[in-house]
Amino acid sequence: MSKENDYFVHESAYVDLPCTIGTGSQIWHFSHVMQDVVIGEKCKIGQNVFIAAGVKIGQNVKIQNNVSIYSGVTLEDDVFCGPSCVFTNINTPRSAFPRNTKEDYLVTLVKLGATIGANATIVCGHTIGRYAFIGAGATVTKDVPDYALVYGNPAKQAGWMCECGAKLEYFVKTTVCQACNREYQYCGENQIIRI
């Protein structure tokens, strides 16, 4: 960390001003943060990451190498983005018919504590629920409920995940995580809550 800032930016990275970077955050080799980006405290931005203008990133977010976060994407606190995962922000792109204004961008929200696996693709205009878990290589084409485990192409739900990252087993009406003892209740309508 430099004496002027309470965050770290590697000498090979570019940070366009104005932007806000929280205390303890780190931006590593060959990354580019554009103007008007907000990055919370204690974030780790890996090598070769691109963060487009106006993106908001919460606290304690980890973005692994080779990820691009485009305008219209918001990452809440404690989100994990695996290596080379992909976000989009325009639903019907064409080279000959550019759609690159704010009005063209569809909003993608990744909620608190969600994990996106390596090489997963998040098609724009969807919400990834709190503590959801997107498997490696999945293609997300619709909203993902809180705590849901999804994988495949297109991604389909294959179970539930605890806040700690362990898969929840033996779900009837309630269950207890075998790893951390957190308790969950099934509420119907493809929804669970922590109790």
N, C-alpha and C. Protein backbone atom coordinates (compact mmCIF):
# COMPACT_ATOMS: atom_id res chain seq x y z
N MET A 1 0.84 -1.19 0.00
CA MET A 1 0.00 0.00 0.00
C MET A 1 0.88 1.25 0.00
N SER A 2 0.42 2.22 -0.73
CA SER A 2 1.19 3.47 -0.75
C SER A 2 0.84 4.31 0.47
N LYS A 3 1.67 5.29 0.76
CA LYS A 3 1.40 6.17 1.90
C LYS A 3 0.21 7.08 1.63
N GLU A 4 -0.07 7.35 0.34
CA GLU A 4 -1.17 8.26 0.00
C GLU A 4 -2.52 7.57 0.07
N ASN A 5 -2.53 6.27 -0.19
CA ASN A 5 -3.79 5.53 -0.26
C ASN A 5 -3.81 4.43 0.78
N ASP A 6 -4.99 4.04 1.19
CA ASP A 6 -5.13 2.92 2.11
C ASP A 6 -5.59 1.67 1.37
N TYR A 7 -5.26 1.60 0.09
CA TYR A 7 -5.50 0.43 -0.76
C TYR A 7 -4.27 0.22 -1.63
N PHE A 8 -4.19 -0.94 -2.31
CA PHE A 8 -3.03 -1.26 -3.12
C PHE A 8 -3.42 -1.37 -4.59
N VAL A 9 -2.65 -0.73 -5.46
CA VAL A 9 -2.81 -0.86 -6.91
C VAL A 9 -1.44 -1.23 -7.49
N HIS A 10 -1.36 -2.37 -8.14
CA HIS A 10 -0.09 -2.78 -8.74
C HIS A 10 0.32 -1.77 -9.82
N GLU A 11 1.63 -1.60 -9.98
CA GLU A 11 2.12 -0.59 -10.93
C GLU A 11 1.71 -0.84 -12.37
N SER A 12 1.34 -2.09 -12.72
CA SER A 12 0.92 -2.38 -14.09
C SER A 12 -0.58 -2.18 -14.31
N ALA A 13 -1.32 -1.89 -13.25
CA ALA A 13 -2.78 -1.71 -13.35
C ALA A 13 -3.10 -0.25 -13.66
N TYR A 14 -4.28 -0.02 -14.26
CA TYR A 14 -4.76 1.33 -14.55
C TYR A 14 -6.04 1.57 -13.75
N VAL A 15 -6.10 2.71 -13.08
CA VAL A 15 -7.30 3.15 -12.37
C VAL A 15 -7.64 4.54 -12.88
N ASP A 16 -8.78 4.64 -13.58
CA ASP A 16 -9.22 5.92 -14.13
C ASP A 16 -9.98 6.69 -13.07
N LEU A 17 -9.66 7.98 -12.94
CA LEU A 17 -10.32 8.82 -11.94
C LEU A 17 -11.46 9.59 -12.58
N PRO A 18 -12.50 9.92 -11.83
CA PRO A 18 -12.66 9.62 -10.41
C PRO A 18 -13.23 8.21 -10.20
N CYS A 19 -12.82 7.59 -9.12
CA CYS A 19 -13.43 6.34 -8.66
C CYS A 19 -13.18 6.24 -7.16
N THR A 20 -13.86 5.31 -6.52
CA THR A 20 -13.74 5.13 -5.08
C THR A 20 -13.27 3.71 -4.81
N ILE A 21 -12.18 3.59 -4.04
CA ILE A 21 -11.64 2.28 -3.69
C ILE A 21 -11.52 2.22 -2.17
N GLY A 22 -12.11 1.20 -1.57
CA GLY A 22 -12.16 1.10 -0.12
C GLY A 22 -10.86 0.65 0.51
N THR A 23 -10.75 0.91 1.79
CA THR A 23 -9.58 0.55 2.60
C THR A 23 -9.29 -0.94 2.51
N GLY A 24 -8.01 -1.26 2.31
CA GLY A 24 -7.58 -2.65 2.31
C GLY A 24 -7.81 -3.40 1.01
N SER A 25 -8.38 -2.75 0.01
CA SER A 25 -8.60 -3.43 -1.27
C SER A 25 -7.30 -3.52 -2.06
N GLN A 26 -7.22 -4.53 -2.94
CA GLN A 26 -6.02 -4.77 -3.74
C GLN A 26 -6.43 -4.95 -5.20
N ILE A 27 -5.69 -4.29 -6.09
CA ILE A 27 -5.92 -4.40 -7.53
C ILE A 27 -4.60 -4.85 -8.14
N TRP A 28 -4.61 -6.02 -8.78
CA TRP A 28 -3.37 -6.67 -9.19
C TRP A 28 -3.04 -6.46 -10.67
N HIS A 29 -2.01 -7.18 -11.13
CA HIS A 29 -1.35 -6.99 -12.42
C HIS A 29 -2.32 -6.84 -13.60
N PHE A 30 -2.05 -5.85 -14.43
CA PHE A 30 -2.69 -5.66 -15.75
C PHE A 30 -4.20 -5.46 -15.68
N SER A 31 -4.73 -5.07 -14.52
CA SER A 31 -6.17 -4.83 -14.41
C SER A 31 -6.48 -3.37 -14.77
N HIS A 32 -7.75 -3.13 -15.13
CA HIS A 32 -8.19 -1.79 -15.53
C HIS A 32 -9.51 -1.48 -14.85
N VAL A 33 -9.52 -0.44 -14.03
CA VAL A 33 -10.72 0.05 -13.37
C VAL A 33 -11.07 1.39 -14.01
N MET A 34 -12.25 1.49 -14.59
CA MET A 34 -12.65 2.72 -15.27
C MET A 34 -13.25 3.72 -14.28
N GLN A 35 -13.58 4.91 -14.79
CA GLN A 35 -14.08 5.98 -13.94
C GLN A 35 -15.45 5.66 -13.35
N ASP A 36 -15.73 6.31 -12.24
CA ASP A 36 -17.01 6.23 -11.54
C ASP A 36 -17.31 4.83 -10.99
N VAL A 37 -16.29 4.00 -10.85
CA VAL A 37 -16.45 2.69 -10.22
C VAL A 37 -16.37 2.88 -8.71
N VAL A 38 -17.17 2.11 -7.98
CA VAL A 38 -17.10 2.08 -6.52
C VAL A 38 -16.71 0.67 -6.12
N ILE A 39 -15.59 0.55 -5.42
CA ILE A 39 -15.10 -0.73 -4.90
C ILE A 39 -15.05 -0.61 -3.38
N GLY A 40 -15.71 -1.52 -2.69
CA GLY A 40 -15.75 -1.48 -1.23
C GLY A 40 -14.43 -1.85 -0.58
N GLU A 41 -14.47 -1.99 0.72
CA GLU A 41 -13.29 -2.34 1.50
C GLU A 41 -12.94 -3.82 1.35
N LYS A 42 -11.64 -4.11 1.50
CA LYS A 42 -11.10 -5.47 1.56
C LYS A 42 -11.44 -6.32 0.34
N CYS A 43 -11.51 -5.72 -0.82
CA CYS A 43 -11.74 -6.48 -2.06
C CYS A 43 -10.41 -6.92 -2.65
N LYS A 44 -10.44 -8.04 -3.36
CA LYS A 44 -9.25 -8.53 -4.05
C LYS A 44 -9.60 -8.66 -5.53
N ILE A 45 -8.97 -7.82 -6.34
CA ILE A 45 -9.18 -7.79 -7.78
C ILE A 45 -7.95 -8.45 -8.41
N GLY A 46 -8.14 -9.61 -9.01
CA GLY A 46 -7.03 -10.41 -9.53
C GLY A 46 -6.41 -9.84 -10.80
N GLN A 47 -5.54 -10.64 -11.40
CA GLN A 47 -4.82 -10.24 -12.60
C GLN A 47 -5.74 -10.17 -13.81
N ASN A 48 -5.53 -9.15 -14.66
CA ASN A 48 -6.24 -9.00 -15.94
C ASN A 48 -7.75 -8.90 -15.76
N VAL A 49 -8.17 -8.12 -14.77
CA VAL A 49 -9.60 -7.88 -14.53
C VAL A 49 -9.96 -6.52 -15.11
N PHE A 50 -11.12 -6.45 -15.78
CA PHE A 50 -11.64 -5.18 -16.31
C PHE A 50 -12.92 -4.86 -15.57
N ILE A 51 -13.02 -3.63 -15.06
CA ILE A 51 -14.23 -3.16 -14.38
C ILE A 51 -14.69 -1.90 -15.09
N ALA A 52 -15.86 -1.97 -15.73
CA ALA A 52 -16.36 -0.88 -16.58
C ALA A 52 -16.91 0.28 -15.76
N ALA A 53 -17.06 1.41 -16.42
CA ALA A 53 -17.53 2.64 -15.79
C ALA A 53 -18.86 2.43 -15.08
N GLY A 54 -18.93 2.97 -13.86
CA GLY A 54 -20.18 2.97 -13.12
C GLY A 54 -20.50 1.71 -12.35
N VAL A 55 -19.67 0.68 -12.43
CA VAL A 55 -19.93 -0.57 -11.72
C VAL A 55 -19.78 -0.34 -10.21
N LYS A 56 -20.64 -1.02 -9.44
CA LYS A 56 -20.57 -0.96 -7.98
C LYS A 56 -20.23 -2.34 -7.44
N ILE A 57 -19.20 -2.38 -6.61
CA ILE A 57 -18.73 -3.63 -6.01
C ILE A 57 -18.72 -3.44 -4.50
N GLY A 58 -19.34 -4.36 -3.78
CA GLY A 58 -19.45 -4.27 -2.33
C GLY A 58 -18.14 -4.54 -1.62
N GLN A 59 -18.24 -4.86 -0.35
CA GLN A 59 -17.07 -5.12 0.48
C GLN A 59 -16.71 -6.60 0.45
N ASN A 60 -15.41 -6.86 0.63
CA ASN A 60 -14.90 -8.24 0.74
C ASN A 60 -15.27 -9.09 -0.48
N VAL A 61 -15.24 -8.49 -1.65
CA VAL A 61 -15.51 -9.21 -2.90
C VAL A 61 -14.19 -9.73 -3.46
N LYS A 62 -14.20 -10.96 -3.95
CA LYS A 62 -13.00 -11.53 -4.56
C LYS A 62 -13.30 -11.80 -6.03
N ILE A 63 -12.53 -11.16 -6.91
CA ILE A 63 -12.68 -11.34 -8.36
C ILE A 63 -11.38 -11.96 -8.85
N GLN A 64 -11.46 -13.20 -9.29
CA GLN A 64 -10.28 -13.93 -9.73
C GLN A 64 -9.81 -13.44 -11.11
N ASN A 65 -8.74 -14.01 -11.61
CA ASN A 65 -8.11 -13.55 -12.85
C ASN A 65 -9.03 -13.64 -14.07
N ASN A 66 -8.83 -12.72 -15.00
CA ASN A 66 -9.46 -12.74 -16.33
C ASN A 66 -10.98 -12.58 -16.31
N VAL A 67 -11.48 -11.72 -15.45
CA VAL A 67 -12.92 -11.47 -15.36
C VAL A 67 -13.19 -10.03 -15.82
N SER A 68 -14.26 -9.84 -16.61
CA SER A 68 -14.70 -8.50 -16.98
C SER A 68 -16.06 -8.24 -16.35
N ILE A 69 -16.16 -7.12 -15.63
CA ILE A 69 -17.42 -6.71 -15.00
C ILE A 69 -17.91 -5.50 -15.79
N TYR A 70 -18.97 -5.68 -16.57
CA TYR A 70 -19.44 -4.62 -17.47
C TYR A 70 -20.47 -3.72 -16.81
N SER A 71 -20.65 -2.53 -17.39
CA SER A 71 -21.66 -1.59 -16.89
C SER A 71 -23.01 -2.27 -16.82
N GLY A 72 -23.72 -2.02 -15.73
CA GLY A 72 -25.01 -2.65 -15.49
C GLY A 72 -24.93 -3.79 -14.49
N VAL A 73 -23.70 -4.22 -14.15
CA VAL A 73 -23.50 -5.30 -13.18
C VAL A 73 -23.21 -4.70 -11.82
N THR A 74 -23.86 -5.24 -10.78
CA THR A 74 -23.58 -4.86 -9.40
C THR A 74 -23.26 -6.12 -8.61
N LEU A 75 -22.17 -6.08 -7.85
CA LEU A 75 -21.79 -7.18 -6.97
C LEU A 75 -21.93 -6.70 -5.54
N GLU A 76 -22.79 -7.36 -4.76
CA GLU A 76 -22.95 -7.01 -3.36
C GLU A 76 -21.79 -7.57 -2.53
N ASP A 77 -21.83 -7.37 -1.22
CA ASP A 77 -20.76 -7.81 -0.32
C ASP A 77 -20.52 -9.32 -0.41
N ASP A 78 -19.25 -9.71 -0.20
CA ASP A 78 -18.84 -11.11 -0.06
C ASP A 78 -19.07 -11.97 -1.30
N VAL A 79 -19.20 -11.38 -2.46
CA VAL A 79 -19.37 -12.15 -3.70
C VAL A 79 -18.01 -12.71 -4.13
N PHE A 80 -18.02 -13.93 -4.67
CA PHE A 80 -16.81 -14.56 -5.22
C PHE A 80 -17.03 -14.80 -6.70
N CYS A 81 -16.13 -14.27 -7.54
CA CYS A 81 -16.18 -14.49 -8.99
C CYS A 81 -14.96 -15.33 -9.37
N GLY A 82 -15.21 -16.57 -9.81
CA GLY A 82 -14.13 -17.49 -10.16
C GLY A 82 -13.40 -17.07 -11.43
N PRO A 83 -12.24 -17.68 -11.67
CA PRO A 83 -11.43 -17.31 -12.83
C PRO A 83 -12.20 -17.40 -14.14
N SER A 84 -12.05 -16.37 -14.95
CA SER A 84 -12.60 -16.33 -16.31
C SER A 84 -14.12 -16.46 -16.38
N CYS A 85 -14.83 -16.17 -15.28
CA CYS A 85 -16.29 -16.13 -15.41
C CYS A 85 -16.67 -14.91 -16.25
N VAL A 86 -17.85 -14.96 -16.86
CA VAL A 86 -18.23 -13.97 -17.87
C VAL A 86 -19.55 -13.32 -17.50
N PHE A 87 -19.58 -12.00 -17.55
CA PHE A 87 -20.82 -11.23 -17.43
C PHE A 87 -21.12 -10.61 -18.79
N THR A 88 -22.39 -10.46 -19.12
CA THR A 88 -22.77 -9.71 -20.31
C THR A 88 -23.62 -8.53 -19.86
N ASN A 89 -23.87 -7.58 -20.75
CA ASN A 89 -24.75 -6.47 -20.36
C ASN A 89 -25.69 -6.03 -21.48
N ILE A 90 -25.57 -6.63 -22.65
CA ILE A 90 -26.48 -6.34 -23.76
C ILE A 90 -27.06 -7.66 -24.24
N ASN A 91 -28.38 -7.73 -24.31
CA ASN A 91 -29.05 -8.99 -24.60
C ASN A 91 -28.93 -9.41 -26.06
N THR A 92 -28.93 -8.46 -26.97
CA THR A 92 -28.90 -8.79 -28.39
C THR A 92 -27.82 -7.97 -29.12
N PRO A 93 -26.55 -8.26 -28.86
CA PRO A 93 -25.49 -7.46 -29.46
C PRO A 93 -25.31 -7.72 -30.96
N ARG A 94 -24.97 -6.68 -31.68
CA ARG A 94 -24.60 -6.76 -33.09
C ARG A 94 -23.46 -5.80 -33.33
N SER A 95 -22.48 -6.22 -34.09
CA SER A 95 -21.37 -5.34 -34.41
C SER A 95 -21.81 -4.20 -35.33
N ALA A 96 -22.65 -4.52 -36.31
CA ALA A 96 -23.08 -3.52 -37.29
C ALA A 96 -24.14 -2.57 -36.75
N PHE A 97 -24.78 -2.94 -35.64
CA PHE A 97 -25.82 -2.12 -35.03
C PHE A 97 -25.51 -1.94 -33.55
N PRO A 98 -24.57 -1.04 -33.23
CA PRO A 98 -24.10 -0.90 -31.85
C PRO A 98 -25.22 -0.57 -30.87
N ARG A 99 -25.17 -1.23 -29.76
CA ARG A 99 -26.08 -0.96 -28.64
C ARG A 99 -25.20 -0.77 -27.42
N ASN A 100 -24.61 0.41 -27.30
CA ASN A 100 -23.64 0.60 -26.24
C ASN A 100 -23.88 1.88 -25.44
N THR A 101 -25.15 2.15 -25.14
CA THR A 101 -25.48 3.26 -24.25
C THR A 101 -26.08 2.69 -22.97
N LYS A 102 -26.15 3.52 -21.94
CA LYS A 102 -26.72 3.07 -20.67
C LYS A 102 -28.12 2.51 -20.84
N GLU A 103 -28.86 3.07 -21.77
CA GLU A 103 -30.24 2.62 -22.00
C GLU A 103 -30.27 1.19 -22.56
N ASP A 104 -29.19 0.75 -23.19
CA ASP A 104 -29.13 -0.59 -23.77
C ASP A 104 -28.74 -1.66 -22.76
N TYR A 105 -28.11 -1.25 -21.64
CA TYR A 105 -27.59 -2.22 -20.69
C TYR A 105 -28.70 -2.79 -19.83
N LEU A 106 -28.73 -4.10 -19.71
CA LEU A 106 -29.65 -4.76 -18.78
C LEU A 106 -28.94 -4.94 -17.45
N VAL A 107 -29.68 -4.78 -16.37
CA VAL A 107 -29.11 -4.83 -15.02
C VAL A 107 -28.93 -6.28 -14.58
N THR A 108 -27.75 -6.58 -14.05
CA THR A 108 -27.46 -7.87 -13.44
C THR A 108 -27.04 -7.60 -12.00
N LEU A 109 -27.74 -8.24 -11.06
CA LEU A 109 -27.45 -8.07 -9.64
C LEU A 109 -26.99 -9.40 -9.07
N VAL A 110 -25.81 -9.40 -8.46
CA VAL A 110 -25.29 -10.57 -7.76
C VAL A 110 -25.34 -10.23 -6.28
N LYS A 111 -26.20 -10.94 -5.55
CA LYS A 111 -26.48 -10.58 -4.16
C LYS A 111 -25.46 -11.14 -3.17
N LEU A 112 -25.60 -10.70 -1.96
CA LEU A 112 -24.72 -11.00 -0.84
C LEU A 112 -24.26 -12.46 -0.80
N GLY A 113 -22.94 -12.65 -0.77
CA GLY A 113 -22.37 -13.96 -0.52
C GLY A 113 -22.43 -14.97 -1.65
N ALA A 114 -22.90 -14.58 -2.82
CA ALA A 114 -23.03 -15.53 -3.93
C ALA A 114 -21.65 -15.91 -4.48
N THR A 115 -21.57 -17.13 -5.04
CA THR A 115 -20.35 -17.63 -5.67
C THR A 115 -20.64 -17.92 -7.13
N ILE A 116 -19.75 -17.47 -8.01
CA ILE A 116 -19.84 -17.77 -9.43
C ILE A 116 -18.60 -18.56 -9.80
N GLY A 117 -18.77 -19.78 -10.26
CA GLY A 117 -17.66 -20.67 -10.54
C GLY A 117 -16.87 -20.27 -11.78
N ALA A 118 -15.69 -20.87 -11.91
CA ALA A 118 -14.80 -20.60 -13.03
C ALA A 118 -15.50 -20.86 -14.36
N ASN A 119 -15.31 -19.96 -15.32
CA ASN A 119 -15.83 -20.08 -16.68
C ASN A 119 -17.36 -20.07 -16.78
N ALA A 120 -18.06 -19.73 -15.71
CA ALA A 120 -19.51 -19.59 -15.79
C ALA A 120 -19.85 -18.33 -16.58
N THR A 121 -21.01 -18.35 -17.25
CA THR A 121 -21.50 -17.18 -17.98
C THR A 121 -22.81 -16.73 -17.37
N ILE A 122 -22.90 -15.44 -17.04
CA ILE A 122 -24.12 -14.87 -16.48
C ILE A 122 -24.73 -13.97 -17.55
N VAL A 123 -25.81 -14.45 -18.17
CA VAL A 123 -26.51 -13.65 -19.19
C VAL A 123 -27.18 -12.48 -18.48
N CYS A 124 -27.09 -11.30 -19.07
CA CYS A 124 -27.54 -10.07 -18.42
C CYS A 124 -29.04 -10.05 -18.16
N GLY A 125 -29.43 -9.19 -17.21
CA GLY A 125 -30.83 -8.98 -16.90
C GLY A 125 -31.37 -9.92 -15.83
N HIS A 126 -30.47 -10.60 -15.12
CA HIS A 126 -30.92 -11.57 -14.11
C HIS A 126 -30.33 -11.24 -12.75
N THR A 127 -30.94 -11.82 -11.72
CA THR A 127 -30.48 -11.66 -10.34
C THR A 127 -30.00 -13.00 -9.82
N ILE A 128 -28.80 -12.99 -9.25
CA ILE A 128 -28.24 -14.15 -8.57
C ILE A 128 -28.51 -13.94 -7.09
N GLY A 129 -29.28 -14.84 -6.47
CA GLY A 129 -29.73 -14.67 -5.10
C GLY A 129 -28.61 -14.75 -4.06
N ARG A 130 -28.97 -14.37 -2.85
CA ARG A 130 -28.03 -14.40 -1.72
C ARG A 130 -27.51 -15.81 -1.50
N TYR A 131 -26.21 -15.93 -1.38
CA TYR A 131 -25.50 -17.18 -1.10
C TYR A 131 -25.76 -18.27 -2.15
N ALA A 132 -26.24 -17.88 -3.32
CA ALA A 132 -26.40 -18.85 -4.41
C ALA A 132 -25.02 -19.32 -4.85
N PHE A 133 -24.99 -20.47 -5.51
CA PHE A 133 -23.73 -21.07 -5.94
C PHE A 133 -23.87 -21.50 -7.39
N ILE A 134 -23.12 -20.83 -8.28
CA ILE A 134 -23.15 -21.12 -9.71
C ILE A 134 -21.96 -22.02 -10.02
N GLY A 135 -22.23 -23.24 -10.49
CA GLY A 135 -21.16 -24.20 -10.76
C GLY A 135 -20.26 -23.76 -11.91
N ALA A 136 -19.06 -24.30 -11.91
CA ALA A 136 -18.09 -23.99 -12.96
C ALA A 136 -18.66 -24.32 -14.33
N GLY A 137 -18.50 -23.41 -15.28
CA GLY A 137 -18.93 -23.63 -16.65
C GLY A 137 -20.41 -23.47 -16.91
N ALA A 138 -21.19 -23.13 -15.89
CA ALA A 138 -22.64 -22.99 -16.06
C ALA A 138 -22.97 -21.77 -16.92
N THR A 139 -24.13 -21.82 -17.58
CA THR A 139 -24.65 -20.66 -18.30
C THR A 139 -25.98 -20.28 -17.67
N VAL A 140 -26.01 -19.15 -16.97
CA VAL A 140 -27.20 -18.70 -16.24
C VAL A 140 -28.06 -17.87 -17.18
N THR A 141 -29.30 -18.33 -17.42
CA THR A 141 -30.21 -17.66 -18.35
C THR A 141 -31.48 -17.18 -17.67
N LYS A 142 -31.57 -17.32 -16.34
CA LYS A 142 -32.74 -16.84 -15.59
C LYS A 142 -32.31 -16.55 -14.16
N ASP A 143 -33.19 -15.93 -13.39
CA ASP A 143 -32.89 -15.61 -12.00
C ASP A 143 -32.56 -16.88 -11.22
N VAL A 144 -31.68 -16.75 -10.23
CA VAL A 144 -31.29 -17.86 -9.38
C VAL A 144 -31.74 -17.54 -7.96
N PRO A 145 -32.51 -18.43 -7.30
CA PRO A 145 -33.00 -18.14 -5.94
C PRO A 145 -31.88 -18.08 -4.91
N ASP A 146 -32.16 -17.45 -3.77
CA ASP A 146 -31.24 -17.45 -2.65
C ASP A 146 -30.86 -18.89 -2.30
N TYR A 147 -29.61 -19.13 -2.00
CA TYR A 147 -29.06 -20.42 -1.54
C TYR A 147 -29.09 -21.53 -2.59
N ALA A 148 -29.54 -21.26 -3.79
CA ALA A 148 -29.66 -22.33 -4.79
C ALA A 148 -28.29 -22.73 -5.36
N LEU A 149 -28.14 -24.02 -5.64
CA LEU A 149 -26.99 -24.55 -6.37
C LEU A 149 -27.46 -24.82 -7.78
N VAL A 150 -26.81 -24.19 -8.77
CA VAL A 150 -27.16 -24.43 -10.17
C VAL A 150 -25.91 -24.75 -10.96
N TYR A 151 -26.07 -25.60 -11.97
CA TYR A 151 -24.97 -25.86 -12.90
C TYR A 151 -25.54 -26.41 -14.19
N GLY A 152 -24.68 -26.47 -15.21
CA GLY A 152 -25.09 -26.96 -16.52
C GLY A 152 -25.33 -25.84 -17.51
N ASN A 153 -25.71 -26.25 -18.74
CA ASN A 153 -25.93 -25.30 -19.83
C ASN A 153 -27.20 -25.68 -20.58
N PRO A 154 -28.31 -24.95 -20.35
CA PRO A 154 -28.44 -23.83 -19.43
C PRO A 154 -28.45 -24.32 -17.98
N ALA A 155 -28.11 -23.42 -17.05
CA ALA A 155 -28.00 -23.79 -15.64
C ALA A 155 -29.37 -24.20 -15.10
N LYS A 156 -29.36 -25.30 -14.37
CA LYS A 156 -30.58 -25.79 -13.70
C LYS A 156 -30.26 -26.05 -12.24
N GLN A 157 -31.28 -25.88 -11.40
CA GLN A 157 -31.06 -26.06 -9.98
C GLN A 157 -30.84 -27.53 -9.66
N ALA A 158 -29.81 -27.78 -8.80
CA ALA A 158 -29.45 -29.15 -8.43
C ALA A 158 -29.36 -29.31 -6.92
N GLY A 159 -29.90 -28.36 -6.17
CA GLY A 159 -29.86 -28.47 -4.72
C GLY A 159 -29.77 -27.11 -4.07
N TRP A 160 -29.35 -27.13 -2.81
CA TRP A 160 -29.25 -25.93 -1.98
C TRP A 160 -27.88 -25.87 -1.33
N MET A 161 -27.42 -24.65 -1.06
CA MET A 161 -26.11 -24.44 -0.44
C MET A 161 -26.25 -23.64 0.85
N CYS A 162 -25.41 -23.97 1.82
CA CYS A 162 -25.35 -23.21 3.07
C CYS A 162 -24.56 -21.93 2.85
N GLU A 163 -24.71 -20.99 3.76
CA GLU A 163 -23.92 -19.76 3.71
C GLU A 163 -22.43 -20.07 3.76
N CYS A 164 -22.05 -21.16 4.42
CA CYS A 164 -20.63 -21.50 4.56
C CYS A 164 -20.05 -22.13 3.30
N GLY A 165 -20.91 -22.49 2.33
CA GLY A 165 -20.43 -23.07 1.08
C GLY A 165 -20.57 -24.58 0.99
N ALA A 166 -21.11 -25.22 2.01
CA ALA A 166 -21.35 -26.66 1.97
C ALA A 166 -22.72 -26.94 1.36
N LYS A 167 -22.83 -28.05 0.65
CA LYS A 167 -24.12 -28.44 0.08
C LYS A 167 -25.02 -28.97 1.19
N LEU A 168 -26.27 -28.52 1.17
CA LEU A 168 -27.25 -28.98 2.16
C LEU A 168 -27.83 -30.31 1.71
N GLU A 169 -27.82 -31.29 2.59
CA GLU A 169 -28.29 -32.64 2.28
C GLU A 169 -29.58 -32.94 3.04
N TYR A 170 -30.31 -33.91 2.55
CA TYR A 170 -31.48 -34.46 3.25
C TYR A 170 -32.52 -33.40 3.58
N PHE A 171 -32.91 -32.63 2.59
CA PHE A 171 -33.85 -31.54 2.81
C PHE A 171 -35.28 -32.07 2.77
N VAL A 172 -36.03 -31.87 3.84
CA VAL A 172 -37.46 -32.15 3.84
C VAL A 172 -38.15 -30.82 4.08
N LYS A 173 -38.49 -30.48 5.33
CA LYS A 173 -39.00 -29.15 5.64
C LYS A 173 -37.92 -28.28 6.25
N THR A 174 -37.04 -28.91 7.02
CA THR A 174 -35.90 -28.19 7.59
C THR A 174 -34.66 -29.07 7.43
N THR A 175 -33.50 -28.43 7.56
CA THR A 175 -32.25 -29.18 7.54
C THR A 175 -31.19 -28.41 8.30
N VAL A 176 -30.15 -29.11 8.70
CA VAL A 176 -29.01 -28.51 9.39
C VAL A 176 -27.77 -28.78 8.55
N CYS A 177 -26.96 -27.75 8.34
CA CYS A 177 -25.72 -27.92 7.60
C CYS A 177 -24.77 -28.81 8.39
N GLN A 178 -24.27 -29.85 7.74
CA GLN A 178 -23.36 -30.78 8.39
C GLN A 178 -21.99 -30.17 8.67
N ALA A 179 -21.67 -29.07 8.00
CA ALA A 179 -20.36 -28.44 8.16
C ALA A 179 -20.33 -27.39 9.27
N CYS A 180 -21.44 -26.63 9.43
CA CYS A 180 -21.39 -25.49 10.36
C CYS A 180 -22.59 -25.40 11.30
N ASN A 181 -23.57 -26.29 11.14
CA ASN A 181 -24.77 -26.35 12.00
C ASN A 181 -25.76 -25.21 11.81
N ARG A 182 -25.64 -24.44 10.74
CA ARG A 182 -26.70 -23.47 10.45
C ARG A 182 -27.96 -24.23 10.05
N GLU A 183 -29.12 -23.68 10.42
CA GLU A 183 -30.40 -24.35 10.14
C GLU A 183 -31.17 -23.61 9.07
N TYR A 184 -31.87 -24.37 8.22
CA TYR A 184 -32.65 -23.82 7.12
C TYR A 184 -34.03 -24.44 7.08
N GLN A 185 -34.99 -23.66 6.56
CA GLN A 185 -36.36 -24.14 6.41
C GLN A 185 -36.80 -23.95 4.98
N TYR A 186 -37.45 -24.99 4.43
CA TYR A 186 -38.02 -24.90 3.08
C TYR A 186 -39.36 -24.20 3.17
N CYS A 187 -39.56 -23.16 2.34
CA CYS A 187 -40.77 -22.35 2.41
C CYS A 187 -41.71 -22.56 1.22
N GLY A 188 -41.40 -23.51 0.36
CA GLY A 188 -42.20 -23.67 -0.86
C GLY A 188 -41.82 -22.63 -1.89
N GLU A 189 -42.41 -22.73 -3.07
CA GLU A 189 -42.12 -21.77 -4.14
C GLU A 189 -40.63 -21.68 -4.42
N ASN A 190 -39.93 -22.81 -4.28
CA ASN A 190 -38.49 -22.87 -4.54
C ASN A 190 -37.72 -21.83 -3.73
N GLN A 191 -38.00 -21.81 -2.42
CA GLN A 191 -37.38 -20.83 -1.53
C GLN A 191 -37.03 -21.47 -0.20
N ILE A 192 -35.82 -21.17 0.31
CA ILE A 192 -35.48 -21.54 1.68
C ILE A 192 -35.02 -20.30 2.43
N ILE A 193 -35.10 -20.39 3.77
CA ILE A 193 -34.61 -19.30 4.61
C ILE A 193 -33.78 -19.91 5.74
N ARG A 194 -32.86 -19.12 6.25
CA ARG A 194 -32.09 -19.55 7.40
C ARG A 194 -32.90 -19.27 8.66
N ILE A 195 -32.93 -20.24 9.57
CA ILE A 195 -33.72 -20.04 10.82
C ILE A 195 -32.79 -20.08 12.02
